[in-house]
C-alpha atoms as a PDB file:
ATOM      1  CA  TRP A   1     -41.672 109.186  10.379  1.00  0.00           C
ATOM      2  CA  TYR A   2     -43.345 106.204   8.773  1.00  0.00           C
ATOM      3  CA  TYR A   3     -46.401 106.696  10.968  1.00  0.00           C
ATOM      4  CA  ILE A   4     -46.531 110.401  10.112  1.00  0.00           C
ATOM      5  CA  SER A   5     -46.419 109.511   6.407  1.00  0.00           C
ATOM      6  CA  LYS A   6     -49.573 107.416   6.908  1.00  0.00           C
ATOM      7  CA  LEU A   7     -51.332 110.312   8.613  1.00  0.00           C
ATOM      8  CA  THR A   8     -50.559 112.589   5.674  1.00  0.00           C
ATOM      9  CA  GLU A   9     -52.477 110.183   3.427  1.00  0.00           C
ATOM     10  CA  PHE A  10     -55.628 111.591   5.038  1.00  0.00           C
ATOM     11  CA  CYS A  11     -54.922 114.700   2.952  1.00  0.00           C
ATOM     12  CA  ASP A  12     -56.122 112.773  -0.121  1.00  0.00           C
ATOM     13  CA  THR A  13     -59.573 112.538   1.408  1.00  0.00           C
ATOM     14  CA  ILE A  14     -59.571 116.192   2.450  1.00  0.00           C
ATOM     15  CA  PHE A  15     -58.559 117.280  -1.064  1.00  0.00           C
ATOM     16  CA  PHE A  16     -61.257 115.088  -2.635  1.00  0.00           C
ATOM     17  CA  VAL A  17     -63.891 116.689  -0.398  1.00  0.00           C
ATOM     18  CA  LEU A  18     -62.637 120.224  -1.052  1.00  0.00           C
ATOM     19  CA  ARG A  19     -62.557 119.607  -4.824  1.00  0.00           C
ATOM     20  CA  LYS A  20     -66.019 117.984  -4.662  1.00  0.00           C
ATOM     21  CA  LYS A  21     -64.628 114.731  -6.118  1.00  0.00           C
ATOM     22  CA  ASP A  22     -66.993 112.531  -4.134  1.00  0.00           C
ATOM     23  CA  ASN A  23     -66.743 109.782  -6.748  1.00  0.00           C
ATOM     24  CA  GLN A  24     -63.113 109.255  -5.687  1.00  0.00           C
ATOM     25  CA  ILE A  25     -64.083 108.618  -2.062  1.00  0.00           C
ATOM     26  CA  THR A  26     -64.780 104.908  -2.417  1.00  0.00           C
ATOM     27  CA  LEU A  27     -65.085 102.133   0.141  1.00  0.00           C
ATOM     28  CA  LEU A  28     -61.530 101.147  -0.781  1.00  0.00           C
ATOM     29  CA  HIS A  29     -60.308 104.691  -0.168  1.00  0.00           C
ATOM     30  CA  LEU A  30     -62.132 105.076   3.164  1.00  0.00           C
ATOM     31  CA  TYR A  31     -61.116 101.634   4.429  1.00  0.00           C
ATOM     32  CA  HIS A  32     -57.485 102.196   3.517  1.00  0.00           C
ATOM     33  CA  HIS A  33     -57.176 105.715   4.889  1.00  0.00           C
ATOM     34  CA  SER A  34     -59.100 104.945   8.082  1.00  0.00           C
ATOM     35  CA  LEU A  35     -57.452 101.675   9.026  1.00  0.00           C
ATOM     36  CA  THR A  36     -53.860 102.092   7.866  1.00  0.00           C
ATOM     37  CA  PRO A  37     -52.856 104.811  10.380  1.00  0.00           C
ATOM     38  CA  ILE A  38     -54.296 102.748  13.252  1.00  0.00           C
ATOM     39  CA  GLU A  39     -52.603  99.587  12.032  1.00  0.00           C
ATOM     40  CA  THR A  40     -49.326 101.438  11.560  1.00  0.00           C
ATOM     41  CA  TRP A  41     -49.477 102.919  15.056  1.00  0.00           C
ATOM     42  CA  VAL A  42     -50.039  99.474  16.608  1.00  0.00           C
ATOM     43  CA  CYS A  43     -47.179  97.970  14.607  1.00  0.00           C
ATOM     44  CA  VAL A  44     -44.749 100.794  15.373  1.00  0.00           C
ATOM     45  CA  LYS A  45     -45.728 101.003  19.061  1.00  0.00           C
ATOM     46  CA  PHE A  46     -45.868  97.306  19.927  1.00  0.00           C
ATOM     47  CA  LEU A  47     -44.347  95.264  17.089  1.00  0.00           C
ATOM     48  CA  ALA A  48     -41.520  97.327  15.614  1.00  0.00           C
ATOM     49  CA  GLY A  49     -39.105  95.308  13.510  1.00  0.00           C
ATOM     50  CA  GLY A  50     -39.245  91.611  12.847  1.00  0.00           C
ATOM     51  CA  HIS A  51     -41.895  89.765  10.894  1.00  0.00           C
ATOM     52  CA  GLY A  52     -44.275  92.711  10.513  1.00  0.00           C
ATOM     53  CA  THR A  53     -41.681  94.842   8.741  1.00  0.00           C
ATOM     54  CA  PHE A  54     -41.961  92.846   5.518  1.00  0.00           C
ATOM     55  CA  SER A  55     -45.511  93.925   4.672  1.00  0.00           C
ATOM     56  CA  ASN A  56     -44.557  97.569   5.205  1.00  0.00           C
ATOM     57  CA  LEU A  57     -41.505  97.242   2.953  1.00  0.00           C
ATOM     58  CA  VAL A  58     -43.586  95.665   0.186  1.00  0.00           C
ATOM     59  CA  ASN A  59     -46.223  98.372   0.629  1.00  0.00           C
ATOM     60  CA  ASN A  60     -43.612 101.134   0.477  1.00  0.00           C
ATOM     61  CA  PHE A  61     -42.195  99.697  -2.754  1.00  0.00           C
ATOM     62  CA  VAL A  62     -45.664  99.657  -4.323  1.00  0.00           C
ATOM     63  CA  HIS A  63     -46.354 103.198  -3.072  1.00  0.00           C
ATOM     64  CA  ILE A  64     -43.152 104.512  -4.687  1.00  0.00           C
ATOM     65  CA  ILE A  65     -44.354 103.179  -8.029  1.00  0.00           C
ATOM     66  CA  MET A  66     -47.936 104.343  -7.421  1.00  0.00           C
ATOM     67  CA  TYR A  67     -46.985 107.907  -6.482  1.00  0.00           C
ATOM     68  CA  SER A  68     -44.625 108.038  -9.470  1.00  0.00           C
ATOM     69  CA  TYR A  69     -47.655 107.255 -11.617  1.00  0.00           C
ATOM     70  CA  TYR A  70     -49.657 110.015  -9.893  1.00  0.00           C
ATOM     71  CA  MET A  71     -46.794 112.476 -10.367  1.00  0.00           C
ATOM     72  CA  ILE A  72     -46.621 111.753 -14.101  1.00  0.00           C
ATOM     73  CA  SER A  73     -50.407 112.036 -14.422  1.00  0.00           C
ATOM     74  CA  ALA A  74     -50.329 115.427 -12.663  1.00  0.00           C
ATOM     75  CA  MET A  75     -47.731 116.776 -15.092  1.00  0.00           C
ATOM     76  CA  GLY A  76     -50.369 117.474 -17.721  1.00  0.00           C
ATOM     77  CA  PRO A  77     -52.044 116.031 -20.807  1.00  0.00           C
ATOM     78  CA  GLU A  78     -48.812 115.817 -22.804  1.00  0.00           C
ATOM     79  CA  TYR A  79     -47.615 113.117 -20.388  1.00  0.00           C
ATOM     80  CA  GLN A  80     -50.705 110.899 -20.743  1.00  0.00           C
ATOM     81  CA  LYS A  81     -48.869 108.741 -23.278  1.00  0.00           C
ATOM     82  CA  TYR A  82     -46.541 107.619 -20.470  1.00  0.00           C
ATOM     83  CA  LEU A  83     -49.402 106.309 -18.334  1.00  0.00           C
ATOM     84  CA  TRP A  84     -50.079 103.123 -20.300  1.00  0.00           C
ATOM     85  CA  TRP A  85     -49.060 100.999 -17.299  1.00  0.00           C
ATOM     86  CA  LYS A  86     -51.926 101.856 -14.920  1.00  0.00           C
ATOM     87  CA  GLN A  87     -53.451  98.379 -15.193  1.00  0.00           C
ATOM     88  CA  HIS A  88     -50.056  96.854 -14.380  1.00  0.00           C
ATOM     89  CA  LEU A  89     -49.877  99.035 -11.278  1.00  0.00           C
ATOM     90  CA  THR A  90     -53.203  97.662 -10.057  1.00  0.00           C
ATOM     91  CA  THR A  91     -51.962  94.128 -10.788  1.00  0.00           C
ATOM     92  CA  LEU A  92     -48.869  94.886  -8.696  1.00  0.00           C
ATOM     93  CA  GLN A  93     -51.115  96.046  -5.856  1.00  0.00           C
ATOM     94  CA  LEU A  94     -53.099  92.798  -6.062  1.00  0.00           C
ATOM     95  CA  ALA A  95     -49.861  90.789  -6.036  1.00  0.00           C
ATOM     96  CA  GLN A  96     -48.768  92.732  -2.954  1.00  0.00           C
ATOM     97  CA  PHE A  97     -51.732  91.448  -0.965  1.00  0.00           C
ATOM     98  CA  ILE A  98     -51.142  87.872  -2.076  1.00  0.00           C
ATOM     99  CA  VAL A  99     -47.482  88.069  -1.018  1.00  0.00           C
ATOM    100  CA  VAL A 100     -48.372  89.668   2.334  1.00  0.00           C
ATOM    101  CA  PHE A 101     -51.078  87.042   2.896  1.00  0.00           C
ATOM    102  CA  PHE A 102     -48.650  84.145   2.479  1.00  0.00           C
ATOM    103  CA  HIS A 103     -45.942  85.882   4.467  1.00  0.00           C
ATOM    104  CA  SER A 104     -48.376  86.452   7.341  1.00  0.00           C
ATOM    105  CA  ALA A 105     -49.674  82.873   7.127  1.00  0.00           C
ATOM    106  CA  GLN A 106     -46.214  81.521   7.968  1.00  0.00           C
ATOM    107  CA  VAL A 107     -46.683  82.625  11.572  1.00  0.00           C
ATOM    108  CA  LEU A 108     -49.584  80.200  11.936  1.00  0.00           C
ATOM    109  CA  PHE A 109     -47.352  77.250  11.007  1.00  0.00           C
ATOM    110  CA  PHE A 110     -43.922  78.249  12.331  1.00  0.00           C
ATOM    111  CA  ASP A 111     -43.474  79.775  15.772  1.00  0.00           C
ATOM    112  CA  CYS A 112     -41.270  82.838  15.472  1.00  0.00           C
ATOM    113  CA  GLY A 113     -42.597  84.707  18.489  1.00  0.00           C
ATOM    114  CA  TYR A 114     -44.787  87.005  16.406  1.00  0.00           C
ATOM    115  CA  PRO A 115     -48.311  87.281  17.864  1.00  0.00           C
ATOM    116  CA  LYS A 116     -50.644  84.943  15.992  1.00  0.00           C
ATOM    117  CA  ILE A 117     -53.578  87.306  16.524  1.00  0.00           C
ATOM    118  CA  ILE A 118     -51.742  90.020  14.582  1.00  0.00           C
ATOM    119  CA  ALA A 119     -50.961  87.522  11.816  1.00  0.00           C
ATOM    120  CA  VAL A 120     -54.655  86.588  11.627  1.00  0.00           C
ATOM    121  CA  PHE A 121     -55.533  90.285  11.456  1.00  0.00           C
ATOM    122  CA  LEU A 122     -53.040  90.754   8.600  1.00  0.00           C
ATOM    123  CA  LEU A 123     -54.486  87.727   6.795  1.00  0.00           C
ATOM    124  CA  PHE A 124     -57.983  89.160   7.119  1.00  0.00           C
ATOM    125  CA  HIS A 125     -56.718  92.606   6.152  1.00  0.00           C
ATOM    126  CA  SER A 126     -54.968  91.207   3.049  1.00  0.00           C
ATOM    127  CA  ILE A 127     -58.120  89.402   1.946  1.00  0.00           C
ATOM    128  CA  ILE A 128     -60.252  92.537   2.340  1.00  0.00           C
ATOM    129  CA  PHE A 129     -57.745  94.681   0.467  1.00  0.00           C
ATOM    130  CA  PHE A 130     -57.414  92.072  -2.277  1.00  0.00           C
ATOM    131  CA  CYS A 131     -61.201  91.961  -2.708  1.00  0.00           C
ATOM    132  CA  LEU A 132     -61.521  95.765  -2.759  1.00  0.00           C
ATOM    133  CA  PHE A 133     -58.676  96.162  -5.261  1.00  0.00           C
ATOM    134  CA  PHE A 134     -59.987  93.290  -7.398  1.00  0.00           C
ATOM    135  CA  ASP A 135     -63.383  94.984  -7.516  1.00  0.00           C
ATOM    136  CA  PHE A 136     -61.643  98.187  -8.608  1.00  0.00           C
ATOM    137  CA  TYR A 137     -59.686  96.194 -11.210  1.00  0.00           C
ATOM    138  CA  LEU A 138     -62.869  94.719 -12.668  1.00  0.00           C
ATOM    139  CA  LYS A 139     -64.643  98.074 -12.767  1.00  0.00           C
ATOM    140  CA  ALA A 140     -61.694  99.990 -14.180  1.00  0.00           C
ATOM    141  CA  TYR A 141     -60.301  97.548 -16.719  1.00  0.00           C
ATOM    142  CA  LYS A 142     -62.485  94.556 -17.522  1.00  0.00           C
ATOM    143  CA  ARG A 143     -65.742  96.455 -17.834  1.00  0.00           C
ATOM    144  CA  GLU A 144     -63.952  99.110 -19.867  1.00  0.00           C
ATOM    145  CA  GLU A 145     -62.698  96.374 -22.213  1.00  0.00           C
ATOM    146  CA  GLU A 146     -66.257  95.033 -22.562  1.00  0.00           C
ATOM    147  CA  ARG A 147     -67.536  98.525 -23.372  1.00  0.00           C
ATOM    148  CA  LYS A 148     -64.852  98.978 -26.039  1.00  0.00           C
ATOM    149  CA  MET A 149     -65.654  95.583 -27.562  1.00  0.00           C
ATOM    150  CA  LYS A 150     -69.362  96.472 -27.778  1.00  0.00           C
ATOM    151  CA  GLN A 151     -68.470  99.820 -29.341  1.00  0.00           C
ATOM    152  CA  ARG A 152     -66.287  98.096 -31.957  1.00  0.00           C
ATOM    153  CA  ALA A 153     -69.063  95.599 -32.731  1.00  0.00           C
ATOM    154  CA  LEU A 154     -71.539  98.457 -33.257  1.00  0.00           C
ATOM    155  CA  GLU A 155     -69.097 100.266 -35.538  1.00  0.00           C
ATOM    156  CA  GLU A 156     -68.557  97.095 -37.573  1.00  0.00           C
ATOM    157  CA  GLN A 157     -72.328  96.634 -37.887  1.00  0.00           C
ATOM    158  CA  LYS A 158     -72.673 100.198 -39.173  1.00  0.00           C
ATOM    159  CA  LYS A 159     -69.921  99.612 -41.734  1.00  0.00           C
ATOM    160  CA  ALA A 160     -71.555  96.358 -42.883  1.00  0.00           C
ATOM    161  CA  SER A 161     -74.966  97.983 -43.429  1.00  0.00           C
END
């Protein structure tokens, strides 16, 4: 069932295309929705249980929170006031990749029978996801803060003149 849940995430992409929301089909989106079902199939088929389960549990926890956010945002404009925590959600996603990175790195130092090549893949995967999410974070929050600061400065200049 877990694998099937990853396949259903492709529906996001299909809905974006059908709604002509091409701006939502980012490198992050494509990378995640293309690679995750393959990765999940490999893990379920060949590495079920054990060390690899942790990253999926952490990811599921983050997804519960993330889809709760999406549900609230889909409930309409009157619920927008409850969506103040979007930036914290992205921070949680970034923390997820740091935690998974260090958890995967353990395999390189302590032999637990988990394939080192898979651990290296997860390390690489965590770094890529961290970089993609960090780029999103900067674009969505830091640049928005800079824009607001410039706007405030312009307004203050107008008031002063």
